[in-house]
Amino acid sequence: MNEVAQKELPVLTPADLLESWQGHRRLTRRTIEQFPEDQLFSFSVGGMRPFGAIAWELHNVADYTLGGMVSGEWTEPQWSATLPQDRASLLAAWDDLTARLDALLPTVPPARYHEVQKTLWATMPGHAITLYALDNEIHHRGQGYVYLRALGVEPVPFWER
């Protein structure tokens, strides 16, 4: 048995998790960019929210998750009541949070990923909270893909992160 096999190694390191999260954020950003400007905050399918509103929710969930993971405190979030009304404002906020993720997520103590935390939506370990934020983004980006196809726009390949 080699030395690596004898040690218990994590499936993902914190750096791996950050890269995965940022890969999804890059893909969602590209999805936002694909929407015609006049459709990003108005077009919907089947009564669902427009993708601009969905992307703002993704921003807020990621911001809440980052704050809780860094501080270990999961206070009631102060969701921004001001939904951006144009792509440039949405992308500026998106890019700001992307930079904060790069700067702050590596400061999370590794043990925090195993600590059970009480969040707005559930009580679960930090790693599950973080994966929930990613799952939520993937799910809602899929809605964006449906919207883009309904608008006659071919979405970027989902594997190009």
N, C-alpha and C. Protein backbone atom coordinates (compact mmCIF):
# COMPACT_ATOMS: atom_id res chain seq x y z
N MET A 1 0.84 -1.17 0.00
CA MET A 1 0.00 0.00 0.00
C MET A 1 0.90 1.24 0.00
N ASN A 2 0.66 2.17 -0.91
CA ASN A 2 1.51 3.36 -0.94
C ASN A 2 1.09 4.38 0.12
N GLU A 3 1.95 5.36 0.34
CA GLU A 3 1.73 6.33 1.41
C GLU A 3 0.43 7.12 1.23
N VAL A 4 0.11 7.48 -0.01
CA VAL A 4 -1.12 8.24 -0.27
C VAL A 4 -2.35 7.42 0.09
N ALA A 5 -2.35 6.16 -0.24
CA ALA A 5 -3.50 5.30 0.06
C ALA A 5 -3.69 5.11 1.56
N GLN A 6 -2.62 5.25 2.34
CA GLN A 6 -2.72 5.06 3.78
C GLN A 6 -3.32 6.26 4.49
N LYS A 7 -3.25 7.42 3.91
CA LYS A 7 -3.77 8.63 4.52
C LYS A 7 -5.21 8.86 4.07
N GLU A 8 -5.97 9.46 4.93
CA GLU A 8 -7.32 9.85 4.53
C GLU A 8 -7.24 11.21 3.87
N LEU A 9 -7.51 11.25 2.59
CA LEU A 9 -7.42 12.49 1.84
C LEU A 9 -8.82 13.02 1.53
N PRO A 10 -8.98 14.33 1.54
CA PRO A 10 -10.30 14.88 1.21
C PRO A 10 -10.60 14.69 -0.28
N VAL A 11 -11.86 14.59 -0.57
CA VAL A 11 -12.27 14.51 -1.98
C VAL A 11 -11.97 15.84 -2.65
N LEU A 12 -12.28 16.92 -1.96
CA LEU A 12 -12.00 18.27 -2.45
C LEU A 12 -11.24 19.03 -1.37
N THR A 13 -10.23 19.73 -1.78
CA THR A 13 -9.58 20.65 -0.86
C THR A 13 -10.34 21.97 -0.89
N PRO A 14 -10.13 22.86 0.07
CA PRO A 14 -10.76 24.18 -0.02
C PRO A 14 -10.41 24.89 -1.34
N ALA A 15 -9.19 24.72 -1.82
CA ALA A 15 -8.82 25.34 -3.09
C ALA A 15 -9.61 24.73 -4.25
N ASP A 16 -9.82 23.42 -4.22
CA ASP A 16 -10.63 22.76 -5.25
C ASP A 16 -12.06 23.28 -5.23
N LEU A 17 -12.61 23.42 -4.03
CA LEU A 17 -13.98 23.92 -3.88
C LEU A 17 -14.09 25.33 -4.45
N LEU A 18 -13.14 26.18 -4.12
CA LEU A 18 -13.14 27.55 -4.65
C LEU A 18 -13.08 27.54 -6.17
N GLU A 19 -12.22 26.74 -6.74
CA GLU A 19 -12.10 26.70 -8.20
C GLU A 19 -13.40 26.21 -8.84
N SER A 20 -14.03 25.21 -8.25
CA SER A 20 -15.30 24.73 -8.78
C SER A 20 -16.36 25.82 -8.71
N TRP A 21 -16.47 26.47 -7.56
CA TRP A 21 -17.45 27.53 -7.38
C TRP A 21 -17.20 28.65 -8.39
N GLN A 22 -15.95 29.05 -8.52
CA GLN A 22 -15.64 30.14 -9.45
C GLN A 22 -15.89 29.71 -10.90
N GLY A 23 -15.66 28.45 -11.22
CA GLY A 23 -15.98 27.96 -12.56
C GLY A 23 -17.46 28.09 -12.86
N HIS A 24 -18.29 27.75 -11.88
CA HIS A 24 -19.74 27.91 -12.07
C HIS A 24 -20.11 29.38 -12.17
N ARG A 25 -19.48 30.22 -11.38
CA ARG A 25 -19.77 31.65 -11.44
C ARG A 25 -19.38 32.23 -12.81
N ARG A 26 -18.24 31.78 -13.36
CA ARG A 26 -17.84 32.24 -14.70
C ARG A 26 -18.88 31.84 -15.73
N LEU A 27 -19.38 30.62 -15.62
CA LEU A 27 -20.39 30.14 -16.58
C LEU A 27 -21.70 30.91 -16.42
N THR A 28 -22.11 31.15 -15.19
CA THR A 28 -23.35 31.92 -14.99
C THR A 28 -23.17 33.34 -15.49
N ARG A 29 -21.99 33.91 -15.30
CA ARG A 29 -21.73 35.27 -15.80
C ARG A 29 -21.88 35.29 -17.33
N ARG A 30 -21.32 34.29 -17.99
CA ARG A 30 -21.44 34.21 -19.44
C ARG A 30 -22.90 34.05 -19.86
N THR A 31 -23.67 33.33 -19.05
CA THR A 31 -25.10 33.17 -19.34
C THR A 31 -25.81 34.52 -19.24
N ILE A 32 -25.50 35.29 -18.20
CA ILE A 32 -26.07 36.63 -18.06
C ILE A 32 -25.73 37.47 -19.29
N GLU A 33 -24.49 37.40 -19.73
CA GLU A 33 -24.04 38.19 -20.88
C GLU A 33 -24.77 37.82 -22.17
N GLN A 34 -25.24 36.58 -22.28
CA GLN A 34 -25.90 36.14 -23.51
C GLN A 34 -27.30 36.71 -23.68
N PHE A 35 -27.94 37.12 -22.58
CA PHE A 35 -29.31 37.61 -22.69
C PHE A 35 -29.34 38.94 -23.43
N PRO A 36 -30.30 39.09 -24.33
CA PRO A 36 -30.49 40.41 -24.90
C PRO A 36 -30.80 41.39 -23.76
N GLU A 37 -30.19 42.56 -23.79
CA GLU A 37 -30.32 43.54 -22.70
C GLU A 37 -31.79 43.79 -22.35
N ASP A 38 -32.64 43.88 -23.36
CA ASP A 38 -34.05 44.20 -23.10
C ASP A 38 -34.85 43.00 -22.59
N GLN A 39 -34.24 41.83 -22.50
CA GLN A 39 -34.95 40.63 -22.05
C GLN A 39 -34.46 40.11 -20.70
N LEU A 40 -33.29 40.54 -20.25
CA LEU A 40 -32.67 40.00 -19.04
C LEU A 40 -33.56 40.17 -17.81
N PHE A 41 -34.23 41.29 -17.70
CA PHE A 41 -35.06 41.56 -16.52
C PHE A 41 -36.55 41.53 -16.81
N SER A 42 -36.92 41.06 -18.01
CA SER A 42 -38.34 41.04 -18.34
C SER A 42 -38.85 39.70 -18.87
N PHE A 43 -38.04 38.96 -19.61
CA PHE A 43 -38.49 37.73 -20.24
C PHE A 43 -38.58 36.61 -19.20
N SER A 44 -39.66 35.86 -19.28
CA SER A 44 -39.79 34.67 -18.44
C SER A 44 -40.58 33.61 -19.19
N VAL A 45 -40.56 32.43 -18.65
CA VAL A 45 -41.29 31.30 -19.21
C VAL A 45 -42.20 30.75 -18.13
N GLY A 46 -43.45 30.54 -18.46
CA GLY A 46 -44.38 29.88 -17.53
C GLY A 46 -44.59 30.61 -16.22
N GLY A 47 -44.45 31.92 -16.23
CA GLY A 47 -44.69 32.70 -15.02
C GLY A 47 -43.53 32.73 -14.04
N MET A 48 -42.39 32.11 -14.41
CA MET A 48 -41.22 32.16 -13.52
C MET A 48 -40.57 33.54 -13.60
N ARG A 49 -39.70 33.82 -12.64
CA ARG A 49 -39.03 35.11 -12.61
C ARG A 49 -38.11 35.29 -13.81
N PRO A 50 -37.90 36.53 -14.23
CA PRO A 50 -36.89 36.78 -15.27
C PRO A 50 -35.50 36.38 -14.79
N PHE A 51 -34.61 36.07 -15.72
CA PHE A 51 -33.29 35.59 -15.33
C PHE A 51 -32.48 36.64 -14.57
N GLY A 52 -32.69 37.91 -14.85
CA GLY A 52 -31.99 38.95 -14.08
C GLY A 52 -32.32 38.85 -12.60
N ALA A 53 -33.58 38.61 -12.27
CA ALA A 53 -33.99 38.45 -10.87
C ALA A 53 -33.42 37.16 -10.28
N ILE A 54 -33.40 36.11 -11.08
CA ILE A 54 -32.82 34.84 -10.63
C ILE A 54 -31.33 35.02 -10.35
N ALA A 55 -30.62 35.69 -11.26
CA ALA A 55 -29.18 35.90 -11.07
C ALA A 55 -28.93 36.74 -9.82
N TRP A 56 -29.80 37.69 -9.51
CA TRP A 56 -29.64 38.48 -8.31
C TRP A 56 -29.83 37.61 -7.06
N GLU A 57 -30.77 36.67 -7.12
CA GLU A 57 -30.92 35.73 -6.01
C GLU A 57 -29.64 34.90 -5.84
N LEU A 58 -29.07 34.44 -6.95
CA LEU A 58 -27.82 33.66 -6.88
C LEU A 58 -26.72 34.49 -6.22
N HIS A 59 -26.66 35.75 -6.59
CA HIS A 59 -25.68 36.66 -5.99
C HIS A 59 -25.90 36.74 -4.48
N ASN A 60 -27.14 36.93 -4.07
CA ASN A 60 -27.44 37.07 -2.64
C ASN A 60 -27.16 35.79 -1.86
N VAL A 61 -27.50 34.64 -2.41
CA VAL A 61 -27.25 33.36 -1.73
C VAL A 61 -25.74 33.14 -1.60
N ALA A 62 -24.99 33.42 -2.65
CA ALA A 62 -23.53 33.26 -2.57
C ALA A 62 -22.92 34.22 -1.55
N ASP A 63 -23.41 35.45 -1.52
CA ASP A 63 -22.91 36.44 -0.57
C ASP A 63 -23.20 36.01 0.87
N TYR A 64 -24.42 35.54 1.11
CA TYR A 64 -24.82 35.04 2.43
C TYR A 64 -23.96 33.85 2.84
N THR A 65 -23.73 32.92 1.91
CA THR A 65 -22.94 31.73 2.19
C THR A 65 -21.49 32.11 2.49
N LEU A 66 -20.92 32.98 1.69
CA LEU A 66 -19.55 33.42 1.94
C LEU A 66 -19.44 34.08 3.31
N GLY A 67 -20.34 34.98 3.62
CA GLY A 67 -20.30 35.67 4.91
C GLY A 67 -20.40 34.71 6.08
N GLY A 68 -21.30 33.75 6.00
CA GLY A 68 -21.46 32.78 7.07
C GLY A 68 -20.26 31.85 7.21
N MET A 69 -19.72 31.42 6.09
CA MET A 69 -18.57 30.53 6.16
C MET A 69 -17.34 31.26 6.71
N VAL A 70 -17.16 32.51 6.36
CA VAL A 70 -16.01 33.26 6.84
C VAL A 70 -16.15 33.57 8.33
N SER A 71 -17.33 34.05 8.73
CA SER A 71 -17.52 34.50 10.11
C SER A 71 -17.96 33.39 11.07
N GLY A 72 -18.60 32.36 10.54
CA GLY A 72 -19.19 31.33 11.39
C GLY A 72 -20.51 31.77 11.99
N GLU A 73 -21.00 32.93 11.57
CA GLU A 73 -22.27 33.46 12.05
C GLU A 73 -23.26 33.52 10.88
N TRP A 74 -24.45 33.03 11.14
CA TRP A 74 -25.47 32.94 10.10
C TRP A 74 -26.68 33.77 10.50
N THR A 75 -26.50 35.06 10.54
CA THR A 75 -27.58 35.95 10.92
C THR A 75 -28.58 36.08 9.78
N GLU A 76 -29.74 36.60 10.10
CA GLU A 76 -30.75 36.84 9.07
C GLU A 76 -30.12 37.70 7.98
N PRO A 77 -30.16 37.24 6.74
CA PRO A 77 -29.51 38.01 5.68
C PRO A 77 -30.25 39.31 5.41
N GLN A 78 -29.50 40.28 5.00
CA GLN A 78 -30.07 41.55 4.59
C GLN A 78 -30.04 41.58 3.06
N TRP A 79 -30.98 40.83 2.47
CA TRP A 79 -31.01 40.78 1.01
C TRP A 79 -31.14 42.19 0.47
N SER A 80 -30.38 42.47 -0.51
CA SER A 80 -30.46 43.79 -1.12
C SER A 80 -31.82 43.94 -1.79
N ALA A 81 -32.55 44.96 -1.37
CA ALA A 81 -33.88 45.19 -1.93
C ALA A 81 -33.80 45.78 -3.34
N THR A 82 -32.64 46.27 -3.68
CA THR A 82 -32.49 46.94 -4.97
C THR A 82 -32.00 45.96 -6.02
N LEU A 83 -32.91 45.46 -6.79
CA LEU A 83 -32.57 44.59 -7.91
C LEU A 83 -31.97 45.46 -9.01
N PRO A 84 -30.78 45.14 -9.48
CA PRO A 84 -30.23 45.91 -10.60
C PRO A 84 -31.21 45.90 -11.77
N GLN A 85 -31.22 46.96 -12.50
CA GLN A 85 -32.15 47.07 -13.63
C GLN A 85 -31.44 47.02 -14.98
N ASP A 86 -30.12 46.81 -14.95
CA ASP A 86 -29.40 46.68 -16.21
C ASP A 86 -28.26 45.67 -16.03
N ARG A 87 -27.83 45.13 -17.14
CA ARG A 87 -26.82 44.09 -17.12
C ARG A 87 -25.51 44.59 -16.50
N ALA A 88 -25.10 45.81 -16.82
CA ALA A 88 -23.83 46.32 -16.31
C ALA A 88 -23.81 46.37 -14.79
N SER A 89 -24.90 46.79 -14.17
CA SER A 89 -24.96 46.85 -12.70
C SER A 89 -24.94 45.45 -12.09
N LEU A 90 -25.67 44.53 -12.70
CA LEU A 90 -25.68 43.15 -12.22
C LEU A 90 -24.29 42.55 -12.32
N LEU A 91 -23.63 42.74 -13.46
CA LEU A 91 -22.30 42.16 -13.64
C LEU A 91 -21.26 42.82 -12.73
N ALA A 92 -21.42 44.10 -12.45
CA ALA A 92 -20.48 44.77 -11.53
C ALA A 92 -20.59 44.15 -10.13
N ALA A 93 -21.82 43.93 -9.67
CA ALA A 93 -22.01 43.29 -8.36
C ALA A 93 -21.50 41.86 -8.39
N TRP A 94 -21.74 41.16 -9.49
CA TRP A 94 -21.28 39.78 -9.65
C TRP A 94 -19.76 39.72 -9.57
N ASP A 95 -19.10 40.63 -10.28
CA ASP A 95 -17.64 40.64 -10.30
C ASP A 95 -17.05 41.01 -8.94
N ASP A 96 -17.70 41.92 -8.23
CA ASP A 96 -17.25 42.28 -6.89
C ASP A 96 -17.29 41.06 -5.97
N LEU A 97 -18.39 40.32 -6.02
CA LEU A 97 -18.50 39.13 -5.17
C LEU A 97 -17.50 38.05 -5.60
N THR A 98 -17.24 37.93 -6.88
CA THR A 98 -16.26 36.97 -7.37
C THR A 98 -14.89 37.28 -6.77
N ALA A 99 -14.51 38.54 -6.74
CA ALA A 99 -13.23 38.94 -6.15
C ALA A 99 -13.21 38.67 -4.64
N ARG A 100 -14.33 38.93 -3.96
CA ARG A 100 -14.40 38.67 -2.52
C ARG A 100 -14.31 37.17 -2.24
N LEU A 101 -14.92 36.34 -3.08
CA LEU A 101 -14.78 34.88 -2.93
C LEU A 101 -13.31 34.47 -3.01
N ASP A 102 -12.61 34.99 -4.00
CA ASP A 102 -11.19 34.65 -4.15
C ASP A 102 -10.39 35.08 -2.93
N ALA A 103 -10.72 36.24 -2.37
CA ALA A 103 -9.97 36.76 -1.24
C ALA A 103 -10.35 36.10 0.08
N LEU A 104 -11.64 35.83 0.29
CA LEU A 104 -12.12 35.43 1.61
C LEU A 104 -12.33 33.93 1.81
N LEU A 105 -12.76 33.21 0.77
CA LEU A 105 -13.04 31.79 0.99
C LEU A 105 -11.79 31.03 1.48
N PRO A 106 -10.60 31.36 0.99
CA PRO A 106 -9.41 30.65 1.51
C PRO A 106 -9.13 30.92 3.00
N THR A 107 -9.77 31.93 3.57
CA THR A 107 -9.55 32.21 5.00
C THR A 107 -10.46 31.39 5.91
N VAL A 108 -11.40 30.65 5.33
CA VAL A 108 -12.31 29.83 6.14
C VAL A 108 -11.51 28.70 6.78
N PRO A 109 -11.59 28.58 8.10
CA PRO A 109 -10.89 27.46 8.75
C PRO A 109 -11.45 26.13 8.23
N PRO A 110 -10.59 25.20 7.82
CA PRO A 110 -11.08 23.93 7.27
C PRO A 110 -12.08 23.22 8.17
N ALA A 111 -11.94 23.32 9.48
CA ALA A 111 -12.88 22.65 10.40
C ALA A 111 -14.29 23.19 10.25
N ARG A 112 -14.44 24.44 9.81
CA ARG A 112 -15.77 25.04 9.68
C ARG A 112 -16.62 24.29 8.66
N TYR A 113 -15.99 23.66 7.69
CA TYR A 113 -16.74 22.90 6.69
C TYR A 113 -17.43 21.68 7.31
N HIS A 114 -16.99 21.27 8.47
CA HIS A 114 -17.57 20.11 9.14
C HIS A 114 -18.48 20.50 10.30
N GLU A 115 -18.44 21.75 10.71
CA GLU A 115 -19.29 22.22 11.80
C GLU A 115 -20.72 22.37 11.30
N VAL A 116 -21.67 21.94 12.12
CA VAL A 116 -23.08 22.10 11.77
C VAL A 116 -23.47 23.55 12.05
N GLN A 117 -24.08 24.16 11.04
CA GLN A 117 -24.47 25.57 11.09
C GLN A 117 -25.98 25.69 10.88
N LYS A 118 -26.58 26.66 11.52
CA LYS A 118 -28.02 26.92 11.32
C LYS A 118 -28.14 28.12 10.38
N THR A 119 -28.61 27.85 9.17
CA THR A 119 -28.76 28.90 8.17
C THR A 119 -30.22 29.29 8.03
N LEU A 120 -30.45 30.20 7.13
CA LEU A 120 -31.81 30.65 6.83
C LEU A 120 -32.69 29.49 6.38
N TRP A 121 -32.13 28.54 5.62
CA TRP A 121 -32.96 27.49 5.02
C TRP A 121 -32.82 26.12 5.67
N ALA A 122 -31.76 25.87 6.42
CA ALA A 122 -31.59 24.54 7.02
C ALA A 122 -30.44 24.55 8.01
N THR A 123 -30.37 23.48 8.79
CA THR A 123 -29.23 23.24 9.67
C THR A 123 -28.43 22.09 9.06
N MET A 124 -27.16 22.37 8.75
CA MET A 124 -26.33 21.38 8.07
C MET A 124 -24.86 21.76 8.21
N PRO A 125 -23.96 20.84 7.89
CA PRO A 125 -22.54 21.16 7.94
C PRO A 125 -22.17 22.23 6.91
N GLY A 126 -21.09 22.93 7.20
CA GLY A 126 -20.64 24.00 6.30
C GLY A 126 -20.40 23.54 4.87
N HIS A 127 -19.88 22.33 4.70
CA HIS A 127 -19.65 21.85 3.33
C HIS A 127 -20.97 21.67 2.59
N ALA A 128 -22.01 21.24 3.29
CA ALA A 128 -23.32 21.06 2.65
C ALA A 128 -23.94 22.42 2.31
N ILE A 129 -23.73 23.40 3.16
CA ILE A 129 -24.23 24.75 2.88
C ILE A 129 -23.58 25.29 1.61
N THR A 130 -22.27 25.13 1.53
CA THR A 130 -21.53 25.63 0.37
C THR A 130 -21.96 24.89 -0.90
N LEU A 131 -22.12 23.58 -0.80
CA LEU A 131 -22.58 22.83 -1.97
C LEU A 131 -24.01 23.20 -2.35
N TYR A 132 -24.85 23.54 -1.36
CA TYR A 132 -26.20 24.00 -1.66
C TYR A 132 -26.14 25.26 -2.53
N ALA A 133 -25.26 26.20 -2.17
CA ALA A 133 -25.14 27.43 -2.97
C ALA A 133 -24.77 27.10 -4.40
N LEU A 134 -23.86 26.14 -4.59
CA LEU A 134 -23.49 25.73 -5.94
C LEU A 134 -24.65 25.03 -6.65
N ASP A 135 -25.32 24.11 -5.95
CA ASP A 135 -26.47 23.41 -6.54
C ASP A 135 -27.55 24.40 -6.96
N ASN A 136 -27.80 25.39 -6.11
CA ASN A 136 -28.82 26.40 -6.41
C ASN A 136 -28.45 27.16 -7.68
N GLU A 137 -27.17 27.50 -7.79
CA GLU A 137 -26.73 28.22 -8.99
C GLU A 137 -26.87 27.37 -10.24
N ILE A 138 -26.47 26.11 -10.16
CA ILE A 138 -26.58 25.22 -11.31
C ILE A 138 -28.04 25.06 -11.73
N HIS A 139 -28.91 24.84 -10.76
CA HIS A 139 -30.34 24.68 -11.04
C HIS A 139 -30.90 25.91 -11.75
N HIS A 140 -30.65 27.07 -11.19
CA HIS A 140 -31.21 28.29 -11.77
C HIS A 140 -30.54 28.68 -13.09
N ARG A 141 -29.27 28.35 -13.25
CA ARG A 141 -28.64 28.60 -14.55
C ARG A 141 -29.32 27.76 -15.62
N GLY A 142 -29.76 26.55 -15.23
CA GLY A 142 -30.51 25.72 -16.17
C GLY A 142 -31.79 26.41 -16.63
N GLN A 143 -32.45 27.12 -15.71
CA GLN A 143 -33.63 27.91 -16.11
C GLN A 143 -33.21 28.95 -17.14
N GLY A 144 -32.07 29.60 -16.89
CA GLY A 144 -31.58 30.59 -17.84
C GLY A 144 -31.34 29.99 -19.21
N TYR A 145 -30.85 28.75 -19.24
CA TYR A 145 -30.63 28.08 -20.53
C TYR A 145 -31.95 27.87 -21.26
N VAL A 146 -32.99 27.50 -20.51
CA VAL A 146 -34.31 27.32 -21.12
C VAL A 146 -34.79 28.66 -21.69
N TYR A 147 -34.63 29.72 -20.93
CA TYR A 147 -35.04 31.05 -21.39
C TYR A 147 -34.28 31.44 -22.66
N LEU A 148 -32.96 31.22 -22.65
CA LEU A 148 -32.18 31.58 -23.83
C LEU A 148 -32.64 30.80 -25.05
N ARG A 149 -32.89 29.51 -24.89
CA ARG A 149 -33.37 28.72 -26.03
C ARG A 149 -34.73 29.22 -26.52
N ALA A 150 -35.59 29.62 -25.57
CA ALA A 150 -36.90 30.16 -25.96
C ALA A 150 -36.74 31.48 -26.73
N LEU A 151 -35.65 32.19 -26.46
CA LEU A 151 -35.36 33.44 -27.17
C LEU A 151 -34.58 33.20 -28.46
N GLY A 152 -34.28 31.94 -28.77
CA GLY A 152 -33.54 31.62 -29.99
C GLY A 152 -32.04 31.79 -29.85
N VAL A 153 -31.54 31.80 -28.61
CA VAL A 153 -30.10 31.95 -28.35
C VAL A 153 -29.55 30.62 -27.86
N GLU A 154 -28.48 30.16 -28.49
CA GLU A 154 -27.83 28.92 -28.07
C GLU A 154 -26.95 29.22 -26.85
N PRO A 155 -27.25 28.60 -25.69
CA PRO A 155 -26.45 28.86 -24.49
C PRO A 155 -25.02 28.33 -24.64
N VAL A 156 -24.14 28.92 -23.87
CA VAL A 156 -22.75 28.44 -23.85
C VAL A 156 -22.74 27.00 -23.33
N PRO A 157 -21.84 26.17 -23.80
CA PRO A 157 -21.78 24.79 -23.31
C PRO A 157 -21.55 24.76 -21.79
N PHE A 158 -22.35 23.98 -21.09
CA PHE A 158 -22.30 23.98 -19.62
C PHE A 158 -20.99 23.45 -19.08
N TRP A 159 -20.25 22.72 -19.87
CA TRP A 159 -19.00 22.14 -19.39
C TRP A 159 -17.82 23.11 -19.56
N GLU A 160 -18.06 24.24 -20.20
CA GLU A 160 -16.97 25.22 -20.39
C GLU A 160 -16.91 26.19 -19.22
N ARG A 161 -16.35 25.70 -18.14
CA ARG A 161 -16.24 26.53 -16.94
C ARG A 161 -14.86 27.09 -16.81
